[in-house]
All heavy atoms as atom14 arrays in JSON, in Angstrom:
{
  "sequence": "RSEVPITRETIPYSGPRVERNERIQRLLHEECELCGRKGPVEGHHI",
  "atom14_mask": [
    [1, 1, 1, 1, 1, 1, 1, 1, 1, 1, 1, 0, 0, 0],
    [1, 1, 1, 1, 1, 1, 0, 0, 0, 0, 0, 0, 0, 0],
    [1, 1, 1, 1, 1, 1, 1, 1, 1, 0, 0, 0, 0, 0],
    [1, 1, 1, 1, 1, 1, 1, 0, 0, 0, 0, 0, 0, 0],
    [1, 1, 1, 1, 1, 1, 1, 0, 0, 0, 0, 0, 0, 0],
    [1, 1, 1, 1, 1, 1, 1, 1, 0, 0, 0, 0, 0, 0],
    [1, 1, 1, 1, 1, 1, 1, 0, 0, 0, 0, 0, 0, 0],
    [1, 1, 1, 1, 1, 1, 1, 1, 1, 1, 1, 0, 0, 0],
    [1, 1, 1, 1, 1, 1, 1, 1, 1, 0, 0, 0, 0, 0],
    [1, 1, 1, 1, 1, 1, 1, 0, 0, 0, 0, 0, 0, 0],
    [1, 1, 1, 1, 1, 1, 1, 1, 0, 0, 0, 0, 0, 0],
    [1, 1, 1, 1, 1, 1, 1, 0, 0, 0, 0, 0, 0, 0],
    [1, 1, 1, 1, 1, 1, 1, 1, 1, 1, 1, 1, 0, 0],
    [1, 1, 1, 1, 1, 1, 0, 0, 0, 0, 0, 0, 0, 0],
    [1, 1, 1, 1, 0, 0, 0, 0, 0, 0, 0, 0, 0, 0],
    [1, 1, 1, 1, 1, 1, 1, 0, 0, 0, 0, 0, 0, 0],
    [1, 1, 1, 1, 1, 1, 1, 1, 1, 1, 1, 0, 0, 0],
    [1, 1, 1, 1, 1, 1, 1, 0, 0, 0, 0, 0, 0, 0],
    [1, 1, 1, 1, 1, 1, 1, 1, 1, 0, 0, 0, 0, 0],
    [1, 1, 1, 1, 1, 1, 1, 1, 1, 1, 1, 0, 0, 0],
    [1, 1, 1, 1, 1, 1, 1, 1, 0, 0, 0, 0, 0, 0],
    [1, 1, 1, 1, 1, 1, 1, 1, 1, 0, 0, 0, 0, 0],
    [1, 1, 1, 1, 1, 1, 1, 1, 1, 1, 1, 0, 0, 0],
    [1, 1, 1, 1, 1, 1, 1, 1, 0, 0, 0, 0, 0, 0],
    [1, 1, 1, 1, 1, 1, 1, 1, 1, 0, 0, 0, 0, 0],
    [1, 1, 1, 1, 1, 1, 1, 1, 1, 1, 1, 0, 0, 0],
    [1, 1, 1, 1, 1, 1, 1, 1, 0, 0, 0, 0, 0, 0],
    [1, 1, 1, 1, 1, 1, 1, 1, 0, 0, 0, 0, 0, 0],
    [1, 1, 1, 1, 1, 1, 1, 1, 1, 1, 0, 0, 0, 0],
    [1, 1, 1, 1, 1, 1, 1, 1, 1, 0, 0, 0, 0, 0],
    [1, 1, 1, 1, 1, 1, 1, 1, 1, 0, 0, 0, 0, 0],
    [1, 1, 1, 1, 1, 1, 0, 0, 0, 0, 0, 0, 0, 0],
    [1, 1, 1, 1, 1, 1, 1, 1, 1, 0, 0, 0, 0, 0],
    [1, 1, 1, 1, 1, 1, 1, 1, 0, 0, 0, 0, 0, 0],
    [1, 1, 1, 1, 1, 1, 0, 0, 0, 0, 0, 0, 0, 0],
    [1, 1, 1, 1, 0, 0, 0, 0, 0, 0, 0, 0, 0, 0],
    [1, 1, 1, 1, 1, 1, 1, 1, 1, 1, 1, 0, 0, 0],
    [1, 1, 1, 1, 1, 1, 1, 1, 1, 0, 0, 0, 0, 0],
    [1, 1, 1, 1, 0, 0, 0, 0, 0, 0, 0, 0, 0, 0],
    [1, 1, 1, 1, 1, 1, 1, 0, 0, 0, 0, 0, 0, 0],
    [1, 1, 1, 1, 1, 1, 1, 0, 0, 0, 0, 0, 0, 0],
    [1, 1, 1, 1, 1, 1, 1, 1, 1, 0, 0, 0, 0, 0],
    [1, 1, 1, 1, 0, 0, 0, 0, 0, 0, 0, 0, 0, 0],
    [1, 1, 1, 1, 1, 1, 1, 1, 1, 1, 0, 0, 0, 0],
    [1, 1, 1, 1, 1, 1, 1, 1, 1, 1, 0, 0, 0, 0],
    [1, 1, 1, 1, 1, 1, 1, 1, 0, 0, 0, 0, 0, 0]
  ],
  "atom14_positions": [
    [[-30.53, 52.79, -27.03], [-30.38, 51.58, -27.83], [-28.96, 51.49, -28.38], [-28.4, 52.49, -28.85], [-31.39, 51.58, -28.98], [-31.4, 50.28, -29.78], [-32.29, 50.39, -30.99], [-32.33, 49.12, -31.71], [-32.8, 48.98, -32.93], [-33.26, 50.03, -33.59], [-32.82, 47.8, -33.51], [0.0, 0.0, 0.0], [0.0, 0.0, 0.0], [0.0, 0.0, 0.0]],
    [[-28.4, 50.29, -28.34], [-27.05, 50.06, -28.86], [-27.14, 49.5, -30.27], [-28.08, 48.78, -30.63], [-26.29, 49.07, -27.96], [-26.19, 49.56, -26.64], [0.0, 0.0, 0.0], [0.0, 0.0, 0.0], [0.0, 0.0, 0.0], [0.0, 0.0, 0.0], [0.0, 0.0, 0.0], [0.0, 0.0, 0.0], [0.0, 0.0, 0.0], [0.0, 0.0, 0.0]],
    [[-26.15, 49.84, -31.06], [-26.06, 49.29, -32.4], [-25.61, 47.83, -32.33], [-24.85, 47.44, -31.44], [-25.07, 50.1, -33.23], [-25.48, 51.54, -33.46], [-26.73, 51.66, -34.32], [-26.99, 50.73, -35.13], [-27.45, 52.66, -34.18], [0.0, 0.0, 0.0], [0.0, 0.0, 0.0], [0.0, 0.0, 0.0], [0.0, 0.0, 0.0], [0.0, 0.0, 0.0]],
    [[-26.1, 47.04, -33.26], [-25.71, 45.63, -33.3], [-24.23, 45.54, -33.64], [-23.8, 46.05, -34.68], [-26.54, 44.85, -34.34], [-26.11, 43.39, -34.39], [-28.02, 44.96, -34.02], [0.0, 0.0, 0.0], [0.0, 0.0, 0.0], [0.0, 0.0, 0.0], [0.0, 0.0, 0.0], [0.0, 0.0, 0.0], [0.0, 0.0, 0.0], [0.0, 0.0, 0.0]],
    [[-23.42, 44.92, -32.78], [-21.97, 44.9, -33.03], [-21.6, 43.9, -34.13], [-22.34, 42.96, -34.43], [-21.4, 44.46, -31.68], [-22.48, 43.63, -31.08], [-23.78, 44.25, -31.52], [0.0, 0.0, 0.0], [0.0, 0.0, 0.0], [0.0, 0.0, 0.0], [0.0, 0.0, 0.0], [0.0, 0.0, 0.0], [0.0, 0.0, 0.0], [0.0, 0.0, 0.0]],
    [[-20.43, 44.12, -34.72], [-19.89, 43.2, -35.71], [-19.05, 42.16, -34.97], [-18.09, 42.5, -34.28], [-19.03, 43.94, -36.74], [-19.86, 45.0, -37.47], [-18.4, 42.96, -37.73], [-19.06, 45.85, -38.43], [0.0, 0.0, 0.0], [0.0, 0.0, 0.0], [0.0, 0.0, 0.0], [0.0, 0.0, 0.0], [0.0, 0.0, 0.0], [0.0, 0.0, 0.0]],
    [[-19.44, 40.91, -35.07], [-18.74, 39.84, -34.35], [-17.52, 39.39, -35.13], [-17.54, 39.26, -36.35], [-19.67, 38.64, -34.13], [-20.15, 38.17, -35.39], [-20.86, 39.05, -33.27], [0.0, 0.0, 0.0], [0.0, 0.0, 0.0], [0.0, 0.0, 0.0], [0.0, 0.0, 0.0], [0.0, 0.0, 0.0], [0.0, 0.0, 0.0], [0.0, 0.0, 0.0]],
    [[-16.45, 39.14, -34.39], [-15.21, 38.64, -34.98], [-14.69, 37.49, -34.14], [-14.89, 37.46, -32.93], [-14.17, 39.74, -35.06], [-14.58, 40.93, -35.93], [-13.54, 42.03, -35.87], [-13.93, 43.18, -36.69], [-13.27, 44.32, -36.72], [-12.19, 44.47, -35.98], [-13.69, 45.31, -37.49], [0.0, 0.0, 0.0], [0.0, 0.0, 0.0], [0.0, 0.0, 0.0]],
    [[-14.04, 36.55, -34.79], [-13.5, 35.42, -34.09], [-12.32, 35.87, -33.23], [-11.46, 36.64, -33.66], [-13.03, 34.33, -35.06], [-14.17, 33.68, -35.84], [-13.67, 32.55, -36.7], [-12.45, 32.3, -36.7], [-14.51, 31.91, -37.37], [0.0, 0.0, 0.0], [0.0, 0.0, 0.0], [0.0, 0.0, 0.0], [0.0, 0.0, 0.0], [0.0, 0.0, 0.0]],
    [[-12.31, 35.37, -32.0], [-11.21, 35.69, -31.09], [-10.67, 34.4, -30.48], [-11.37, 33.38, -30.4], [-11.69, 36.61, -29.95], [-12.78, 35.97, -29.26], [-12.16, 37.94, -30.5], [0.0, 0.0, 0.0], [0.0, 0.0, 0.0], [0.0, 0.0, 0.0], [0.0, 0.0, 0.0], [0.0, 0.0, 0.0], [0.0, 0.0, 0.0], [0.0, 0.0, 0.0]],
    [[-9.43, 34.46, -30.07], [-8.82, 33.29, -29.41], [-9.23, 33.29, -27.95], [-9.01, 34.28, -27.25], [-7.29, 33.35, -29.54], [-6.89, 33.38, -31.02], [-6.63, 32.18, -28.82], [-5.41, 33.54, -31.24], [0.0, 0.0, 0.0], [0.0, 0.0, 0.0], [0.0, 0.0, 0.0], [0.0, 0.0, 0.0], [0.0, 0.0, 0.0], [0.0, 0.0, 0.0]],
    [[-9.85, 32.2, -27.47], [-10.29, 32.19, -26.06], [-9.11, 32.28, -25.11], [-8.03, 31.75, -25.38], [-11.02, 30.85, -25.93], [-10.56, 30.03, -27.07], [-10.19, 30.97, -28.17], [0.0, 0.0, 0.0], [0.0, 0.0, 0.0], [0.0, 0.0, 0.0], [0.0, 0.0, 0.0], [0.0, 0.0, 0.0], [0.0, 0.0, 0.0], [0.0, 0.0, 0.0]],
    [[-9.35, 32.98, -24.01], [-8.3, 33.16, -23.01], [-8.04, 31.84, -22.28], [-8.97, 31.18, -21.8], [-8.73, 34.22, -22.0], [-7.76, 34.4, -20.86], [-6.54, 35.04, -21.06], [-8.06, 33.94, -19.58], [-5.65, 35.23, -20.03], [-7.17, 34.12, -18.54], [-5.96, 34.77, -18.77], [-5.09, 34.95, -17.73], [0.0, 0.0, 0.0], [0.0, 0.0, 0.0]],
    [[-6.79, 31.43, -22.23], [-6.43, 30.16, -21.59], [-5.4, 30.35, -20.49], [-4.71, 29.41, -20.11], [-5.88, 29.18, -22.64], [-4.75, 29.73, -23.29], [0.0, 0.0, 0.0], [0.0, 0.0, 0.0], [0.0, 0.0, 0.0], [0.0, 0.0, 0.0], [0.0, 0.0, 0.0], [0.0, 0.0, 0.0], [0.0, 0.0, 0.0], [0.0, 0.0, 0.0]],
    [[-5.31, 31.57, -19.99], [-4.34, 31.84, -18.93], [-4.82, 31.38, -17.58], [-5.88, 30.75, -17.43], [0.0, 0.0, 0.0], [0.0, 0.0, 0.0], [0.0, 0.0, 0.0], [0.0, 0.0, 0.0], [0.0, 0.0, 0.0], [0.0, 0.0, 0.0], [0.0, 0.0, 0.0], [0.0, 0.0, 0.0], [0.0, 0.0, 0.0], [0.0, 0.0, 0.0]],
    [[-4.04, 31.63, -16.55], [-4.42, 31.19, -15.2], [-5.66, 31.92, -14.71], [-5.91, 33.07, -15.07], [-3.19, 31.56, -14.35], [-2.53, 32.67, -15.11], [-2.77, 32.36, -16.55], [0.0, 0.0, 0.0], [0.0, 0.0, 0.0], [0.0, 0.0, 0.0], [0.0, 0.0, 0.0], [0.0, 0.0, 0.0], [0.0, 0.0, 0.0], [0.0, 0.0, 0.0]],
    [[-6.45, 31.24, -13.9], [-7.66, 31.83, -13.34], [-7.29, 32.81, -12.24], [-6.45, 32.53, -11.39], [-8.55, 30.73, -12.77], [-9.85, 31.25, -12.18], [-10.67, 30.12, -11.64], [-11.88, 30.62, -10.98], [-12.76, 29.84, -10.35], [-12.56, 28.55, -10.29], [-13.82, 30.36, -9.78], [0.0, 0.0, 0.0], [0.0, 0.0, 0.0], [0.0, 0.0, 0.0]],
    [[-7.92, 33.99, -12.27], [-7.66, 35.02, -11.26], [-8.85, 35.1, -10.32], [-9.98, 35.32, -10.75], [-7.43, 36.4, -11.93], [-7.16, 37.45, -10.86], [-6.26, 36.31, -12.9], [0.0, 0.0, 0.0], [0.0, 0.0, 0.0], [0.0, 0.0, 0.0], [0.0, 0.0, 0.0], [0.0, 0.0, 0.0], [0.0, 0.0, 0.0], [0.0, 0.0, 0.0]],
    [[-8.63, 34.87, -9.04], [-9.71, 34.93, -8.06], [-10.14, 36.37, -7.82], [-9.35, 37.3, -7.95], [-9.26, 34.32, -6.73], [-8.96, 32.83, -6.8], [-10.19, 32.0, -7.01], [-11.3, 32.52, -6.71], [-10.09, 30.86, -7.48], [0.0, 0.0, 0.0], [0.0, 0.0, 0.0], [0.0, 0.0, 0.0], [0.0, 0.0, 0.0], [0.0, 0.0, 0.0]],
    [[-11.37, 36.55, -7.46], [-11.88, 37.89, -7.19], [-11.27, 38.44, -5.9], [-11.08, 37.72, -4.92], [-13.4, 37.86, -7.04], [-14.14, 37.49, -8.33], [-15.63, 37.54, -8.09], [-16.39, 37.25, -9.3], [-17.71, 37.2, -9.37], [-18.42, 37.44, -8.29], [-18.32, 36.92, -10.5], [0.0, 0.0, 0.0], [0.0, 0.0, 0.0], [0.0, 0.0, 0.0]],
    [[-10.96, 39.73, -5.9], [-10.42, 40.36, -4.7], [-11.38, 40.24, -3.54], [-10.97, 40.01, -2.4], [-10.11, 41.83, -4.99], [-8.92, 41.99, -5.92], [-8.04, 41.15, -5.95], [-8.92, 43.06, -6.69], [0.0, 0.0, 0.0], [0.0, 0.0, 0.0], [0.0, 0.0, 0.0], [0.0, 0.0, 0.0], [0.0, 0.0, 0.0], [0.0, 0.0, 0.0]],
    [[-12.7, 40.39, -3.82], [-13.67, 40.35, -2.73], [-13.71, 38.96, -2.09], [-13.88, 38.84, -0.89], [-15.05, 40.73, -3.26], [-16.1, 40.84, -2.15], [-17.44, 41.27, -2.68], [-17.55, 41.56, -3.88], [-18.4, 41.3, -1.88], [0.0, 0.0, 0.0], [0.0, 0.0, 0.0], [0.0, 0.0, 0.0], [0.0, 0.0, 0.0], [0.0, 0.0, 0.0]],
    [[-13.56, 37.91, -2.89], [-13.57, 36.56, -2.34], [-12.39, 36.34, -1.4], [-12.52, 35.73, -0.34], [-13.54, 35.53, -3.48], [-13.66, 34.09, -3.01], [-13.65, 33.14, -4.18], [-14.76, 33.39, -5.06], [-14.95, 32.74, -6.2], [-14.09, 31.83, -6.59], [-15.99, 33.03, -6.96], [0.0, 0.0, 0.0], [0.0, 0.0, 0.0], [0.0, 0.0, 0.0]],
    [[-11.24, 36.87, -1.78], [-10.06, 36.75, -0.92], [-10.27, 37.53, 0.37], [-9.92, 37.07, 1.46], [-8.81, 37.26, -1.66], [-8.54, 36.38, -2.9], [-7.6, 37.27, -0.75], [-7.41, 36.87, -3.75], [0.0, 0.0, 0.0], [0.0, 0.0, 0.0], [0.0, 0.0, 0.0], [0.0, 0.0, 0.0], [0.0, 0.0, 0.0], [0.0, 0.0, 0.0]],
    [[-10.87, 38.72, 0.25], [-11.12, 39.53, 1.45], [-12.09, 38.82, 2.39], [-11.93, 38.87, 3.61], [-11.68, 40.89, 1.03], [-10.68, 41.77, 0.32], [-11.29, 43.05, -0.19], [-12.47, 43.31, 0.0], [-10.49, 43.87, -0.86], [0.0, 0.0, 0.0], [0.0, 0.0, 0.0], [0.0, 0.0, 0.0], [0.0, 0.0, 0.0], [0.0, 0.0, 0.0]],
    [[-13.1, 38.15, 1.83], [-14.06, 37.41, 2.68], [-13.36, 36.3, 3.44], [-13.67, 36.02, 4.59], [-15.18, 36.85, 1.82], [-16.15, 37.88, 1.29], [-16.97, 37.33, 0.15], [-17.66, 36.11, 0.52], [-18.07, 35.19, -0.36], [-17.84, 35.37, -1.65], [-18.7, 34.11, 0.06], [0.0, 0.0, 0.0], [0.0, 0.0, 0.0], [0.0, 0.0, 0.0]],
    [[-12.41, 35.64, 2.78], [-11.68, 34.56, 3.43], [-10.76, 35.08, 4.52], [-10.68, 34.53, 5.62], [-10.88, 33.78, 2.38], [-10.04, 32.61, 2.88], [-10.92, 31.55, 3.51], [-9.23, 32.0, 1.73], [0.0, 0.0, 0.0], [0.0, 0.0, 0.0], [0.0, 0.0, 0.0], [0.0, 0.0, 0.0], [0.0, 0.0, 0.0], [0.0, 0.0, 0.0]],
    [[-10.05, 36.2, 4.23], [-9.11, 36.76, 5.2], [-9.81, 37.47, 6.35], [-9.21, 37.71, 7.4], [-8.15, 37.72, 4.5], [-7.23, 37.12, 3.43], [-6.37, 38.19, 2.8], [-6.36, 36.02, 4.03], [0.0, 0.0, 0.0], [0.0, 0.0, 0.0], [0.0, 0.0, 0.0], [0.0, 0.0, 0.0], [0.0, 0.0, 0.0], [0.0, 0.0, 0.0]],
    [[-11.08, 37.82, 6.16], [-11.83, 38.53, 7.21], [-12.04, 37.65, 8.43], [-12.19, 38.15, 9.55], [-13.18, 38.99, 6.66], [-13.92, 39.9, 7.58], [-13.36, 41.06, 8.11], [-15.18, 39.85, 8.07], [-14.24, 41.66, 8.9], [-15.35, 40.94, 8.89], [0.0, 0.0, 0.0], [0.0, 0.0, 0.0], [0.0, 0.0, 0.0], [0.0, 0.0, 0.0]],
    [[-12.06, 36.32, 8.23], [-12.19, 35.35, 9.31], [-13.42, 35.62, 10.18], [-13.32, 35.79, 11.4], [-10.91, 35.32, 10.16], [-9.71, 34.77, 9.42], [-8.54, 34.44, 10.33], [-8.49, 35.0, 11.45], [-7.7, 33.62, 9.94], [0.0, 0.0, 0.0], [0.0, 0.0, 0.0], [0.0, 0.0, 0.0], [0.0, 0.0, 0.0], [0.0, 0.0, 0.0]],
    [[-14.57, 35.69, 9.54], [-15.84, 35.82, 10.24], [-16.87, 34.94, 9.55], [-17.05, 35.02, 8.33], [-16.33, 37.27, 10.25], [-17.66, 37.44, 10.96], [-18.12, 38.89, 11.0], [-17.27, 39.77, 10.73], [-19.31, 39.13, 11.27], [0.0, 0.0, 0.0], [0.0, 0.0, 0.0], [0.0, 0.0, 0.0], [0.0, 0.0, 0.0], [0.0, 0.0, 0.0]],
    [[-17.51, 34.1, 10.29], [-18.51, 33.18, 9.73], [-19.66, 33.98, 9.12], [-20.27, 34.81, 9.79], [-19.04, 32.23, 10.81], [-20.32, 31.09, 10.22], [0.0, 0.0, 0.0], [0.0, 0.0, 0.0], [0.0, 0.0, 0.0], [0.0, 0.0, 0.0], [0.0, 0.0, 0.0], [0.0, 0.0, 0.0], [0.0, 0.0, 0.0], [0.0, 0.0, 0.0]],
    [[-19.95, 33.73, 7.85], [-21.01, 34.46, 7.16], [-22.4, 33.96, 7.55], [-23.38, 34.55, 7.12], [-20.81, 34.33, 5.64], [-19.55, 34.98, 5.16], [-19.38, 34.93, 3.65], [-19.94, 34.02, 3.02], [-18.7, 35.81, 3.1], [0.0, 0.0, 0.0], [0.0, 0.0, 0.0], [0.0, 0.0, 0.0], [0.0, 0.0, 0.0], [0.0, 0.0, 0.0]],
    [[-22.45, 32.9, 8.35], [-23.74, 32.35, 8.76], [-24.11, 32.75, 10.18], [-25.2, 33.25, 10.42], [-23.73, 30.83, 8.61], [-25.09, 30.14, 8.58], [-25.94, 30.68, 7.44], [-24.92, 28.64, 8.45], [0.0, 0.0, 0.0], [0.0, 0.0, 0.0], [0.0, 0.0, 0.0], [0.0, 0.0, 0.0], [0.0, 0.0, 0.0], [0.0, 0.0, 0.0]],
    [[-23.19, 32.54, 11.13], [-23.51, 32.85, 12.53], [-22.75, 34.07, 13.05], [-23.03, 34.55, 14.14], [-23.23, 31.65, 13.43], [-21.46, 31.27, 13.61], [0.0, 0.0, 0.0], [0.0, 0.0, 0.0], [0.0, 0.0, 0.0], [0.0, 0.0, 0.0], [0.0, 0.0, 0.0], [0.0, 0.0, 0.0], [0.0, 0.0, 0.0], [0.0, 0.0, 0.0]],
    [[-21.76, 34.58, 12.29], [-21.02, 35.77, 12.72], [-19.88, 35.5, 13.66], [-19.25, 36.44, 14.15], [0.0, 0.0, 0.0], [0.0, 0.0, 0.0], [0.0, 0.0, 0.0], [0.0, 0.0, 0.0], [0.0, 0.0, 0.0], [0.0, 0.0, 0.0], [0.0, 0.0, 0.0], [0.0, 0.0, 0.0], [0.0, 0.0, 0.0], [0.0, 0.0, 0.0]],
    [[-19.56, 34.23, 13.94], [-18.48, 33.89, 14.87], [-17.14, 34.27, 14.27], [-16.87, 34.03, 13.09], [-18.51, 32.4, 15.19], [-17.45, 31.98, 16.24], [-17.44, 30.48, 16.44], [-18.62, 30.06, 17.19], [-19.6, 29.35, 16.65], [-19.56, 29.02, 15.37], [-20.65, 28.97, 17.38], [0.0, 0.0, 0.0], [0.0, 0.0, 0.0], [0.0, 0.0, 0.0]],
    [[-16.26, 34.88, 15.08], [-14.91, 35.26, 14.64], [-13.99, 34.05, 14.73], [-14.12, 33.22, 15.63], [-14.37, 36.4, 15.51], [-15.18, 37.7, 15.42], [-14.94, 38.39, 14.1], [-15.6, 39.76, 14.09], [-15.37, 40.47, 12.82], [0.0, 0.0, 0.0], [0.0, 0.0, 0.0], [0.0, 0.0, 0.0], [0.0, 0.0, 0.0], [0.0, 0.0, 0.0]],
    [[-13.03, 33.97, 13.81], [-12.06, 32.9, 13.84], [-11.85, 32.31, 12.46], [-12.39, 32.82, 11.46], [0.0, 0.0, 0.0], [0.0, 0.0, 0.0], [0.0, 0.0, 0.0], [0.0, 0.0, 0.0], [0.0, 0.0, 0.0], [0.0, 0.0, 0.0], [0.0, 0.0, 0.0], [0.0, 0.0, 0.0], [0.0, 0.0, 0.0], [0.0, 0.0, 0.0]],
    [[-11.06, 31.24, 12.35], [-10.8, 30.61, 11.05], [-12.1, 30.16, 10.39], [-13.03, 29.71, 11.06], [-9.91, 29.42, 11.41], [-9.3, 29.78, 12.73], [-10.32, 30.6, 13.46], [0.0, 0.0, 0.0], [0.0, 0.0, 0.0], [0.0, 0.0, 0.0], [0.0, 0.0, 0.0], [0.0, 0.0, 0.0], [0.0, 0.0, 0.0], [0.0, 0.0, 0.0]],
    [[-12.15, 30.3, 9.07], [-13.35, 29.92, 8.34], [-13.0, 28.88, 7.27], [-11.85, 28.74, 6.87], [-14.01, 31.15, 7.67], [-14.57, 32.09, 8.71], [-13.03, 31.87, 6.75], [0.0, 0.0, 0.0], [0.0, 0.0, 0.0], [0.0, 0.0, 0.0], [0.0, 0.0, 0.0], [0.0, 0.0, 0.0], [0.0, 0.0, 0.0], [0.0, 0.0, 0.0]],
    [[-14.03, 28.15, 6.84], [-13.89, 27.13, 5.81], [-14.87, 27.44, 4.68], [-15.95, 27.99, 4.92], [-14.18, 25.74, 6.39], [-13.32, 25.4, 7.59], [-13.78, 24.11, 8.27], [-14.76, 23.49, 7.79], [-13.15, 23.72, 9.26], [0.0, 0.0, 0.0], [0.0, 0.0, 0.0], [0.0, 0.0, 0.0], [0.0, 0.0, 0.0], [0.0, 0.0, 0.0]],
    [[-14.5, 27.1, 3.47], [-15.36, 27.35, 2.32], [-16.33, 26.21, 2.08], [-15.94, 25.05, 2.01], [0.0, 0.0, 0.0], [0.0, 0.0, 0.0], [0.0, 0.0, 0.0], [0.0, 0.0, 0.0], [0.0, 0.0, 0.0], [0.0, 0.0, 0.0], [0.0, 0.0, 0.0], [0.0, 0.0, 0.0], [0.0, 0.0, 0.0], [0.0, 0.0, 0.0]],
    [[-17.62, 26.55, 1.99], [-18.65, 25.55, 1.63], [-19.08, 25.84, 0.2], [-19.56, 26.92, -0.11], [-19.85, 25.66, 2.58], [-20.91, 24.63, 2.29], [-20.79, 23.32, 2.72], [-22.09, 24.71, 1.63], [-21.86, 22.65, 2.33], [-22.67, 23.46, 1.66], [0.0, 0.0, 0.0], [0.0, 0.0, 0.0], [0.0, 0.0, 0.0], [0.0, 0.0, 0.0]],
    [[-18.91, 24.86, -0.69], [-19.15, 25.07, -2.11], [-20.3, 24.19, -2.6], [-20.56, 23.12, -2.06], [-17.9, 24.74, -2.94], [-16.65, 25.4, -2.45], [-16.26, 26.65, -2.89], [-15.72, 25.02, -1.55], [-15.14, 26.99, -2.3], [-14.78, 26.02, -1.48], [0.0, 0.0, 0.0], [0.0, 0.0, 0.0], [0.0, 0.0, 0.0], [0.0, 0.0, 0.0]],
    [[-20.99, 24.69, -3.62], [-21.95, 23.87, -4.36], [-21.57, 23.9, -5.84], [-20.87, 24.81, -6.29], [-23.4, 24.38, -4.16], [-23.54, 25.83, -4.64], [-23.84, 24.23, -2.73], [-24.96, 26.34, -4.61], [0.0, 0.0, 0.0], [0.0, 0.0, 0.0], [0.0, 0.0, 0.0], [0.0, 0.0, 0.0], [0.0, 0.0, 0.0], [0.0, 0.0, 0.0]]
  ]
}
């Protein structure tokens, strides 16, 4: 069990967004995550 922490006001981070390393690796891997075909890939977002 953890002790209940003391909350303090903080300034929200407003710097540039940093992409995940794994997401970049998935893009550079150039393999379709659906059918497995090798080659250039495109991002499908929801």
